[in-house]
């Protein structure tokens, strides 16, 4: 099993010719990369491929897929309901395990540079990798689609790509590459062929139209039915059941109802658990009530013979081993993850209880954010060790390279960003834990005290790792900026 897992979900502008899609998928089959899913939509004339793999391998797989798509897809002849600007329209990287969103940003930049270098396809960076606030939103980049950007790229400064010259590839257009959290592509079909109703509902539900915060939406006519097509960019903040209910309510205003919905690509199990809890109204629902979850916990060692010790002993023994990694940075991240875990437990045990119903919204918000922070801190355990290893590789390679100092500085900056990210996250964990006291069971105050203490320990360790890396850096501006951010962090 790879020590790092990254998901990549490239969208290609071909949804009708299976042979072409097969060839693109085949081009991306390299060791260390696994195909999870493929979806073809003839109305949209688009396919969505879901890959997962080790970070280096999946970068190369994405690049090869873009190259093969450029060979096979001619946008000058392309027609479909879905907006597009490239044969390879959008290529996002999503952190799964052992990597952070910052790692995925670095991956997006590498892939973007390689796409231009190998295929002369201009590349724009979006979401977390965006170079300007306007480009965080994919719709802003893709406005006007292939035809619009082809006409404007050379004359409008705002259309200048992040990688490559100001000219589109004649048949493959331009490509958008980025880093983001897990996105759920979710569509709702209505019992009407009137696409204008779908467009009005999409405008109401999406954030840019004043709707739900983490929803993007558009209306299409698909298979003779009006479709509200949506992207849920943070399902923990805006869960899928809330989106469905919103669409259903808006549809009623126009005298129509949802007849079905579909998921394009994959969906996290947690999103479906949230929907089950909401619609079934299960009292005091907990994911451990699900048989498969309990089995996974047992088989994974959480409840294995030997008790809880069996789950943590391997990591503790790795810390004790006479090797440089994992070290203090990984331990700090683990401490922060434990702090977030304990705080989540306290909030979860009060949510849904009669005595705390008036705090339901605040508790749900805290649980969602703590869960996200916990996952990011767990990813930082491996990311810290990996960043240290990259520094060591840079020092070794410097002996054989004329640009050794540049490579070392780049590696040191990455090794600094990981513990700084840990420090920033554990401060937030401690702040949330501090606010939980008055709205949770007072008998659990010792647990919250433990959570804050672990967060403090994590902050101390993470900042120590930041400082030791800064001492080796020669970029005075970078050092000053990082120290300024570090000084502002307190628990």
Protein backbone atom coordinates (compact mmCIF):
# COMPACT_ATOMS: atom_id res chain seq x y z
CA UNK A 1 0.00 0.00 0.00
CA UNK A 2 1.43 3.43 -0.93
CA UNK A 3 2.48 5.66 1.96
CA UNK A 4 0.75 8.58 0.26
CA UNK A 5 -2.57 8.53 -1.55
CA UNK A 6 -3.82 11.25 -3.86
CA UNK A 7 -7.00 11.23 -5.89
CA UNK A 8 -7.10 12.74 -9.37
CA UNK A 9 -10.37 13.28 -11.24
CA UNK A 10 -9.58 14.45 -14.78
CA UNK A 11 -12.56 15.53 -16.89
CA UNK A 12 -12.18 14.93 -20.63
CA UNK A 13 -14.36 16.40 -23.37
CA UNK A 14 -15.48 13.07 -24.79
CA UNK A 15 -18.58 11.20 -23.70
CA UNK A 16 -19.72 9.40 -26.84
CA UNK A 17 -16.77 7.50 -28.29
CA UNK A 18 -15.90 4.64 -25.93
CA UNK A 19 -12.78 3.73 -27.91
CA UNK A 20 -11.28 7.17 -27.33
CA UNK A 21 -12.04 7.06 -23.62
CA UNK A 22 -10.55 3.56 -23.41
CA UNK A 23 -7.36 4.85 -25.03
CA UNK A 24 -7.10 7.76 -22.60
CA UNK A 25 -7.61 5.45 -19.61
CA UNK A 26 -5.04 3.03 -21.00
CA UNK A 27 -2.49 5.85 -21.29
CA UNK A 28 -2.91 6.59 -17.58
CA UNK A 29 -2.32 2.99 -16.45
CA UNK A 30 1.08 3.10 -14.80
CA UNK A 31 2.41 1.31 -11.69
CA UNK A 32 1.17 2.89 -8.48
CA UNK A 33 -2.05 4.28 -9.99
CA UNK A 34 -5.46 2.61 -9.70
CA UNK A 35 -8.64 3.27 -11.66
CA UNK A 36 -11.58 3.72 -9.29
CA UNK A 37 -14.30 4.87 -11.65
CA UNK A 38 -15.17 6.13 -15.11
CA UNK A 39 -18.35 7.94 -16.13
CA UNK A 40 -19.38 8.82 -19.69
CA UNK A 41 -22.26 11.21 -20.44
CA UNK A 42 -23.30 11.49 -24.07
CA UNK A 43 -25.52 14.55 -23.50
CA UNK A 44 -22.70 16.44 -21.80
CA UNK A 45 -20.21 14.79 -24.19
CA UNK A 46 -17.84 14.46 -21.28
CA UNK A 47 -16.22 11.72 -19.24
CA UNK A 48 -15.01 11.79 -15.67
CA UNK A 49 -12.17 9.44 -14.70
CA UNK A 50 -11.35 8.81 -11.04
CA UNK A 51 -7.83 7.68 -10.21
CA UNK A 52 -6.01 7.17 -6.94
CA UNK A 53 -2.34 6.54 -6.37
CA UNK A 54 1.01 7.51 -4.96
CA UNK A 55 1.79 11.19 -5.50
CA UNK A 56 4.62 10.89 -8.05
CA UNK A 57 2.90 8.18 -10.07
CA UNK A 58 -0.45 9.92 -10.25
CA UNK A 59 1.14 13.13 -11.50
CA UNK A 60 2.66 11.25 -14.43
CA UNK A 61 -0.61 9.42 -15.09
CA UNK A 62 -2.48 12.73 -15.31
CA UNK A 63 0.09 14.20 -17.68
CA UNK A 64 -0.09 11.16 -19.97
CA UNK A 65 -3.88 11.31 -19.98
CA UNK A 66 -3.79 14.95 -21.06
CA UNK A 67 -1.37 14.06 -23.85
CA UNK A 68 -3.52 11.21 -25.16
CA UNK A 69 -6.66 13.38 -25.03
CA UNK A 70 -4.88 16.03 -27.09
CA UNK A 71 -4.20 13.39 -29.74
CA UNK A 72 -7.78 12.12 -29.89
CA UNK A 73 -10.14 15.02 -29.15
CA UNK A 74 -10.74 17.93 -31.51
CA UNK A 75 -12.61 20.73 -29.75
CA UNK A 76 -13.35 22.50 -33.03
CA UNK A 77 -15.77 19.62 -33.73
CA UNK A 78 -16.98 19.11 -30.16
CA UNK A 79 -20.58 19.70 -29.11
CA UNK A 80 -22.16 18.95 -25.74
CA UNK A 81 -24.27 20.43 -22.97
CA UNK A 82 -21.40 20.85 -20.50
CA UNK A 83 -19.12 23.92 -20.62
CA UNK A 84 -15.56 23.10 -21.73
CA UNK A 85 -12.37 24.86 -22.74
CA UNK A 86 -10.03 21.93 -23.24
CA UNK A 87 -9.86 18.38 -24.52
CA UNK A 88 -8.63 17.76 -20.98
CA UNK A 89 -10.91 20.30 -19.38
CA UNK A 90 -10.03 20.16 -15.71
CA UNK A 91 -7.52 18.08 -13.72
CA UNK A 92 -7.93 18.38 -9.93
CA UNK A 93 -5.78 16.70 -7.27
CA UNK A 94 -7.42 15.78 -3.96
CA UNK A 95 -5.55 14.75 -0.78
CA UNK A 96 -6.63 11.35 0.55
CA UNK A 97 -3.97 9.98 2.91
CA UNK A 98 -0.49 11.10 3.92
CA UNK A 99 -0.68 14.34 1.93
CA UNK A 100 -1.99 17.83 2.56
CA UNK A 101 -3.79 20.28 0.33
CA UNK A 102 -0.48 22.18 0.14
CA UNK A 103 1.16 19.05 -1.30
CA UNK A 104 -1.57 18.87 -3.93
CA UNK A 105 -0.98 22.52 -4.83
CA UNK A 106 2.68 21.70 -5.50
CA UNK A 107 1.59 18.72 -7.59
CA UNK A 108 -0.79 20.88 -9.63
CA UNK A 109 1.99 23.35 -10.39
CA UNK A 110 4.34 20.59 -11.48
CA UNK A 111 1.72 18.99 -13.71
CA UNK A 112 0.74 22.34 -15.20
CA UNK A 113 4.32 23.12 -16.14
CA UNK A 114 4.80 19.67 -17.67
CA UNK A 115 1.61 19.89 -19.74
CA UNK A 116 2.84 23.04 -21.44
CA UNK A 117 6.38 21.71 -21.80
CA UNK A 118 5.33 18.40 -23.40
CA UNK A 119 2.18 19.31 -25.36
CA UNK A 120 2.13 23.14 -25.67
CA UNK A 121 -1.29 23.29 -24.07
CA UNK A 122 -1.65 26.44 -21.91
CA UNK A 123 -2.61 25.76 -18.31
CA UNK A 124 -4.59 27.73 -15.74
CA UNK A 125 -4.43 26.96 -12.01
CA UNK A 126 -7.65 26.96 -9.96
CA UNK A 127 -9.12 26.35 -6.49
CA UNK A 128 -6.37 26.05 -3.82
CA UNK A 129 -3.64 26.30 -6.50
CA UNK A 130 -5.02 29.54 -7.98
CA UNK A 131 -2.56 32.39 -8.44
CA UNK A 132 -5.27 35.07 -8.15
CA UNK A 133 -8.52 35.15 -6.16
CA UNK A 134 -10.55 35.33 -9.38
CA UNK A 135 -9.12 32.03 -10.55
CA UNK A 136 -10.18 30.10 -7.48
CA UNK A 137 -13.54 29.70 -9.22
CA UNK A 138 -13.46 27.43 -12.26
CA UNK A 139 -16.36 29.25 -13.89
CA UNK A 140 -14.35 32.48 -14.04
CA UNK A 141 -11.54 30.76 -15.93
CA UNK A 142 -13.84 28.83 -18.27
CA UNK A 143 -16.11 31.77 -19.13
CA UNK A 144 -16.75 31.82 -22.87
CA UNK A 145 -15.56 28.23 -23.17
CA UNK A 146 -13.08 27.11 -25.84
CA UNK A 147 -14.33 29.54 -28.45
CA UNK A 148 -14.21 32.51 -26.08
CA UNK A 149 -10.75 31.88 -24.72
CA UNK A 150 -9.42 31.16 -28.20
CA UNK A 151 -10.54 34.64 -29.25
CA UNK A 152 -9.32 36.48 -26.14
CA UNK A 153 -6.22 34.73 -24.80
CA UNK A 154 -3.77 36.81 -26.82
CA UNK A 155 -5.41 40.19 -26.23
CA UNK A 156 -6.88 40.15 -22.71
CA UNK A 157 -4.29 40.25 -19.87
CA UNK A 158 -6.78 38.55 -17.53
CA UNK A 159 -6.74 35.55 -19.86
CA UNK A 160 -2.98 35.03 -19.63
CA UNK A 161 -2.32 31.40 -18.64
CA UNK A 162 -0.28 30.42 -15.58
CA UNK A 163 1.87 28.14 -17.73
CA UNK A 164 2.61 28.61 -21.40
CA UNK A 165 2.25 31.27 -24.02
CA UNK A 166 -0.91 33.25 -24.65
CA UNK A 167 -2.25 30.93 -27.34
CA UNK A 168 -4.51 27.90 -27.19
CA UNK A 169 -3.66 24.53 -28.63
CA UNK A 170 -5.47 24.52 -32.01
CA UNK A 171 -7.56 21.42 -31.23
CA UNK A 172 -7.00 20.67 -27.52
CA UNK A 173 -7.65 24.19 -26.25
CA UNK A 174 -6.45 24.95 -22.73
CA UNK A 175 -6.45 22.94 -19.51
CA UNK A 176 -7.26 23.84 -15.91
CA UNK A 177 -5.27 22.09 -13.16
CA UNK A 178 -5.75 22.53 -9.44
CA UNK A 179 -6.00 21.21 -5.91
CA UNK A 180 -9.19 20.93 -3.93
CA UNK A 181 -11.05 19.00 -1.29
CA UNK A 182 -13.24 16.07 -2.22
CA UNK A 183 -16.03 17.18 -4.53
CA UNK A 184 -19.35 15.42 -5.00
CA UNK A 185 -20.87 15.75 -8.47
CA UNK A 186 -24.59 15.48 -7.82
CA UNK A 187 -27.46 15.90 -10.29
CA UNK A 188 -31.21 16.06 -9.66
CA UNK A 189 -33.71 15.30 -12.44
CA UNK A 190 -37.11 17.04 -12.53
CA UNK A 191 -40.41 15.82 -13.97
CA UNK A 192 -40.34 18.43 -16.71
CA UNK A 193 -38.45 19.02 -19.95
CA UNK A 194 -38.41 22.77 -19.23
CA UNK A 195 -34.71 23.48 -18.83
CA UNK A 196 -35.42 27.08 -17.80
CA UNK A 197 -36.87 25.79 -14.54
CA UNK A 198 -33.68 23.81 -13.88
CA UNK A 199 -31.60 26.91 -14.57
CA UNK A 200 -33.67 28.99 -12.14
CA UNK A 201 -33.37 26.34 -9.44
CA UNK A 202 -29.62 26.03 -10.05
CA UNK A 203 -29.24 29.79 -9.70
CA UNK A 204 -31.14 29.71 -6.40
CA UNK A 205 -29.21 26.79 -4.91
CA UNK A 206 -25.67 27.83 -5.86
CA UNK A 207 -23.64 30.12 -3.61
CA UNK A 208 -23.02 32.75 -6.30
CA UNK A 209 -26.80 33.18 -6.56
CA UNK A 210 -27.28 33.57 -2.80
CA UNK A 211 -27.86 29.88 -2.07
CA UNK A 212 -25.89 27.23 -0.23
CA UNK A 213 -22.28 28.08 0.61
CA UNK A 214 -20.45 25.14 -0.94
CA UNK A 215 -22.59 24.48 -4.00
CA UNK A 216 -22.06 25.31 -7.67
CA UNK A 217 -24.91 24.63 -10.06
CA UNK A 218 -26.27 24.87 -13.58
CA UNK A 219 -29.34 23.67 -15.47
CA UNK A 220 -29.30 21.31 -18.46
CA UNK A 221 -31.65 19.20 -20.56
CA UNK A 222 -30.57 15.56 -20.26
CA UNK A 223 -32.43 12.55 -21.63
CA UNK A 224 -35.55 14.66 -22.12
CA UNK A 225 -35.64 15.87 -18.50
CA UNK A 226 -34.55 19.12 -16.90
CA UNK A 227 -31.47 18.47 -14.76
CA UNK A 228 -30.08 20.55 -11.90
CA UNK A 229 -26.37 19.74 -12.16
CA UNK A 230 -24.32 20.56 -9.06
CA UNK A 231 -20.87 20.32 -7.57
CA UNK A 232 -20.71 20.08 -3.78
CA UNK A 233 -17.29 21.44 -2.89
CA UNK A 234 -17.43 20.72 0.87
CA UNK A 235 -20.02 18.08 1.75
CA UNK A 236 -19.28 18.35 5.47
CA UNK A 237 -20.27 22.02 5.52
CA UNK A 238 -23.09 21.67 2.98
CA UNK A 239 -24.28 18.04 3.15
CA UNK A 240 -25.95 16.32 0.22
CA UNK A 241 -29.31 15.84 1.97
CA UNK A 242 -29.59 19.58 2.56
CA UNK A 243 -28.90 20.19 -1.12
CA UNK A 244 -31.60 17.73 -2.19
CA UNK A 245 -34.14 19.31 0.15
CA UNK A 246 -33.26 22.79 -1.15
CA UNK A 247 -33.77 21.70 -4.76
CA UNK A 248 -37.04 19.97 -3.84
CA UNK A 249 -38.33 23.12 -2.14
CA UNK A 250 -37.37 25.37 -5.05
CA UNK A 251 -38.90 22.92 -7.53
CA UNK A 252 -42.24 23.11 -5.71
CA UNK A 253 -42.39 26.82 -6.48
CA UNK A 254 -42.60 25.93 -10.18
CA UNK A 255 -45.03 23.03 -9.73
CA UNK A 256 -42.47 20.29 -10.39
CA UNK A 257 -40.78 17.62 -8.27
CA UNK A 258 -37.52 15.65 -8.36
CA UNK A 259 -37.98 12.24 -9.98
CA UNK A 260 -34.47 10.94 -9.34
CA UNK A 261 -30.93 12.00 -8.64
CA UNK A 262 -27.52 10.70 -9.64
CA UNK A 263 -23.95 10.76 -8.39
CA UNK A 264 -21.25 11.21 -11.00
CA UNK A 265 -18.00 9.60 -9.94
CA UNK A 266 -17.59 8.59 -6.30
CA UNK A 267 -18.98 9.77 -2.99
CA UNK A 268 -17.50 9.41 0.51
CA UNK A 269 -19.32 6.97 2.76
CA UNK A 270 -19.65 9.70 5.36
CA UNK A 271 -21.85 11.75 3.03
CA UNK A 272 -24.31 8.87 2.72
CA UNK A 273 -24.20 8.29 6.47
CA UNK A 274 -25.15 11.95 6.98
CA UNK A 275 -28.07 11.55 4.58
CA UNK A 276 -29.22 8.36 6.31
CA UNK A 277 -29.11 10.05 9.71
CA UNK A 278 -31.08 13.03 8.38
CA UNK A 279 -33.83 11.23 6.49
CA UNK A 280 -34.27 8.29 8.89
CA UNK A 281 -34.10 10.52 11.99
CA UNK A 282 -32.09 7.89 13.87
CA UNK A 283 -31.74 9.03 17.46
CA UNK A 284 -28.11 9.45 18.57
CA UNK A 285 -26.81 8.08 15.29
CA UNK A 286 -23.15 7.05 15.24
CA UNK A 287 -21.21 5.62 12.32
CA UNK A 288 -19.98 2.76 14.52
CA UNK A 289 -23.55 1.39 14.46
CA UNK A 290 -22.99 0.40 10.83
CA UNK A 291 -21.87 -3.22 10.60
CA UNK A 292 -19.24 -2.64 7.91
CA UNK A 293 -17.72 0.26 9.86
CA UNK A 294 -17.48 -1.85 12.99
CA UNK A 295 -15.87 -4.70 11.05
CA UNK A 296 -13.37 -2.30 9.47
CA UNK A 297 -12.45 -0.97 12.90
CA UNK A 298 -11.94 -4.48 14.26
CA UNK A 299 -9.95 -5.69 11.26
CA UNK A 300 -7.91 -2.50 11.25
CA UNK A 301 -6.80 -2.98 14.84
CA UNK A 302 -8.88 -0.31 16.55
CA UNK A 303 -10.63 -3.00 18.57
CA UNK A 304 -8.10 -5.76 18.02
CA UNK A 305 -6.88 -8.21 20.63
CA UNK A 306 -4.55 -6.23 22.83
CA UNK A 307 -6.97 -3.32 23.18
CA UNK A 308 -6.30 0.24 22.15
CA UNK A 309 -2.57 -0.27 22.58
CA UNK A 310 -2.54 -2.39 19.42
CA UNK A 311 -3.66 0.62 17.39
CA UNK A 312 -0.99 3.07 18.57
CA UNK A 313 1.94 0.82 19.38
CA UNK A 314 3.39 0.63 15.82
CA UNK A 315 3.61 4.42 15.56
CA UNK A 316 5.12 4.80 19.02
CA UNK A 317 7.72 2.17 18.20
CA UNK A 318 8.54 3.97 14.95
CA UNK A 319 9.12 7.14 16.96
CA UNK A 320 11.43 5.22 19.28
CA UNK A 321 13.45 3.68 16.44
CA UNK A 322 16.98 5.08 15.79
CA UNK A 323 15.93 6.80 12.54
CA UNK A 324 15.36 10.48 11.81
CA UNK A 325 11.76 9.94 10.72
CA UNK A 326 9.14 9.95 12.02
CA UNK A 327 10.29 12.56 14.50
CA UNK A 328 9.05 15.52 16.48
CA UNK A 329 7.11 17.04 13.61
CA UNK A 330 5.11 13.86 13.04
CA UNK A 331 4.56 13.50 16.78
CA UNK A 332 3.27 17.08 16.95
CA UNK A 333 0.82 16.38 14.13
CA UNK A 334 -0.34 13.20 15.88
CA UNK A 335 -0.84 15.11 19.11
CA UNK A 336 -2.94 17.67 17.25
CA UNK A 337 -5.01 14.95 15.59
CA UNK A 338 -5.67 13.38 19.00
CA UNK A 339 -6.75 16.77 20.35
CA UNK A 340 -9.21 17.14 17.49
CA UNK A 341 -10.42 13.57 18.02
CA UNK A 342 -11.16 14.08 21.71
CA UNK A 343 -12.94 17.38 21.09
CA UNK A 344 -15.04 15.70 18.38
CA UNK A 345 -16.00 12.94 20.79
CA UNK A 346 -17.16 15.44 23.42
CA UNK A 347 -19.26 17.39 20.92
CA UNK A 348 -20.71 14.21 19.40
CA UNK A 349 -21.81 12.86 22.77
CA UNK A 350 -23.80 16.02 23.49
CA UNK A 351 -25.29 16.51 20.03
CA UNK A 352 -28.80 15.11 19.80
CA UNK A 353 -29.30 15.01 23.57
CA UNK A 354 -32.40 16.81 24.87
CA UNK A 355 -30.42 18.99 27.29
CA UNK A 356 -28.33 20.44 24.45
CA UNK A 357 -30.82 20.74 21.59
CA UNK A 358 -30.51 24.54 21.66
CA UNK A 359 -26.83 24.10 20.76
CA UNK A 360 -27.44 21.58 17.95
CA UNK A 361 -26.27 23.89 15.15
CA UNK A 362 -23.11 24.97 17.00
CA UNK A 363 -22.24 21.37 17.88
CA UNK A 364 -22.77 20.17 14.31
CA UNK A 365 -20.58 22.96 13.00
CA UNK A 366 -17.85 22.14 15.53
CA UNK A 367 -17.97 18.43 14.68
CA UNK A 368 -17.69 19.11 10.95
CA UNK A 369 -14.73 21.46 11.33
CA UNK A 370 -12.94 19.26 13.88
CA UNK A 371 -13.35 16.26 11.60
CA UNK A 372 -11.74 18.18 8.76
CA UNK A 373 -8.88 19.38 10.97
CA UNK A 374 -8.35 15.85 12.30
CA UNK A 375 -7.97 14.46 8.77
CA UNK A 376 -5.55 17.22 7.79
CA UNK A 377 -3.45 16.67 10.91
CA UNK A 378 -3.35 12.91 10.30
CA UNK A 379 -2.12 13.60 6.77
CA UNK A 380 0.60 15.85 8.21
CA UNK A 381 2.05 12.93 10.20
CA UNK A 382 3.35 11.38 6.98
CA UNK A 383 3.82 14.71 5.20
CA UNK A 384 6.28 15.90 7.85
CA UNK A 385 8.41 12.78 7.56
CA UNK A 386 8.31 12.95 3.78
CA UNK A 387 9.30 16.62 3.70
CA UNK A 388 12.33 15.85 5.88
CA UNK A 389 13.34 13.06 3.52
CA UNK A 390 13.09 15.47 0.58
CA UNK A 391 15.44 17.89 2.37
CA UNK A 392 17.97 15.10 2.83
CA UNK A 393 17.65 14.17 -0.86
CA UNK A 394 18.19 17.81 -1.85
CA UNK A 395 21.39 18.04 0.19
CA UNK A 396 22.64 14.82 -1.36
CA UNK A 397 21.75 15.92 -4.91
CA UNK A 398 23.36 19.33 -4.36
CA UNK A 399 26.77 17.72 -4.52
CA UNK A 400 26.10 16.80 -8.15
CA UNK A 401 24.09 19.84 -9.31
CA UNK A 402 24.91 23.43 -10.16
CA UNK A 403 21.54 24.54 -8.75
CA UNK A 404 21.96 22.76 -5.45
CA UNK A 405 21.17 25.76 -3.26
CA UNK A 406 17.89 26.37 -5.06
CA UNK A 407 16.75 22.79 -4.59
CA UNK A 408 17.75 22.82 -0.92
CA UNK A 409 15.88 26.07 -0.29
CA UNK A 410 12.77 24.75 -2.02
CA UNK A 411 12.87 21.57 0.07
CA UNK A 412 13.43 23.53 3.28
CA UNK A 413 10.48 25.80 2.51
CA UNK A 414 8.26 22.77 2.04
CA UNK A 415 9.62 21.25 5.26
CA UNK A 416 8.73 24.54 6.99
CA UNK A 417 5.22 24.77 5.56
CA UNK A 418 4.14 21.39 6.94
CA UNK A 419 4.74 22.10 10.66
CA UNK A 420 3.48 25.66 10.20
CA UNK A 421 0.25 24.20 8.85
CA UNK A 422 0.11 21.90 11.87
CA UNK A 423 0.61 24.85 14.21
CA UNK A 424 -2.16 26.87 12.57
CA UNK A 425 -4.57 23.95 12.68
CA UNK A 426 -3.97 23.02 16.33
CA UNK A 427 -4.62 26.61 17.39
CA UNK A 428 -8.03 26.31 15.75
CA UNK A 429 -8.60 22.94 17.43
CA UNK A 430 -7.86 24.48 20.83
CA UNK A 431 -10.16 27.43 20.12
CA UNK A 432 -13.05 25.14 19.18
CA UNK A 433 -12.42 22.91 22.21
CA UNK A 434 -12.47 25.98 24.44
CA UNK A 435 -15.89 26.99 23.12
CA UNK A 436 -17.36 23.53 23.67
CA UNK A 437 -17.22 23.70 27.48
CA UNK A 438 -20.44 25.71 28.04
CA UNK A 439 -22.48 23.78 25.45
CA UNK A 440 -21.52 20.18 26.27
CA UNK A 441 -21.84 17.76 29.17
CA UNK A 442 -19.90 19.22 32.15
CA UNK A 443 -18.86 15.70 33.15
CA UNK A 444 -16.58 15.71 30.11
CA UNK A 445 -14.59 18.82 31.04
CA UNK A 446 -11.52 16.69 31.76
CA UNK A 447 -11.63 15.44 28.16
CA UNK A 448 -11.70 19.00 26.85
CA UNK A 449 -8.81 19.90 29.17
CA UNK A 450 -6.86 16.99 27.68
CA UNK A 451 -7.70 18.14 24.15
CA UNK A 452 -6.42 21.65 24.82
CA UNK A 453 -3.27 20.31 26.50
CA UNK A 454 -2.54 18.08 23.50
CA UNK A 455 -3.09 21.03 21.18
CA UNK A 456 -0.64 23.13 23.20
CA UNK A 457 1.97 20.37 23.04
CA UNK A 458 1.41 20.07 19.29
CA UNK A 459 1.83 23.83 18.86
CA UNK A 460 5.10 23.87 20.81
CA UNK A 461 6.52 20.96 18.83
CA UNK A 462 5.36 22.24 15.45
CA UNK A 463 6.79 25.73 16.00
CA UNK A 464 10.11 24.22 17.11
CA UNK A 465 10.25 22.37 13.79
CA UNK A 466 9.39 25.55 11.89
CA UNK A 467 12.21 27.44 13.57
CA UNK A 468 14.89 24.81 13.02
CA UNK A 469 14.14 24.83 9.29
CA UNK A 470 14.15 28.63 9.14
CA UNK A 471 17.66 28.67 10.62
CA UNK A 472 18.96 26.96 7.46
CA UNK A 473 17.11 29.16 4.96
CA UNK A 474 18.75 32.06 3.15
CA UNK A 475 15.58 33.73 1.87
CA UNK A 476 15.28 36.57 4.40
CA UNK A 477 11.87 37.71 3.18
CA UNK A 478 10.40 34.22 3.49
CA UNK A 479 11.96 33.74 6.93
CA UNK A 480 10.58 37.06 8.19
CA UNK A 481 7.08 36.31 6.92
CA UNK A 482 6.99 32.82 8.45
CA UNK A 483 8.30 34.05 11.81
CA UNK A 484 5.62 36.75 11.81
CA UNK A 485 2.92 34.12 11.25
CA UNK A 486 4.42 31.83 13.88
CA UNK A 487 4.55 34.55 16.53
CA UNK A 488 0.84 35.17 16.11
CA UNK A 489 -0.03 31.57 17.02
CA UNK A 490 -1.01 31.04 20.63
CA UNK A 491 -3.17 28.62 22.62
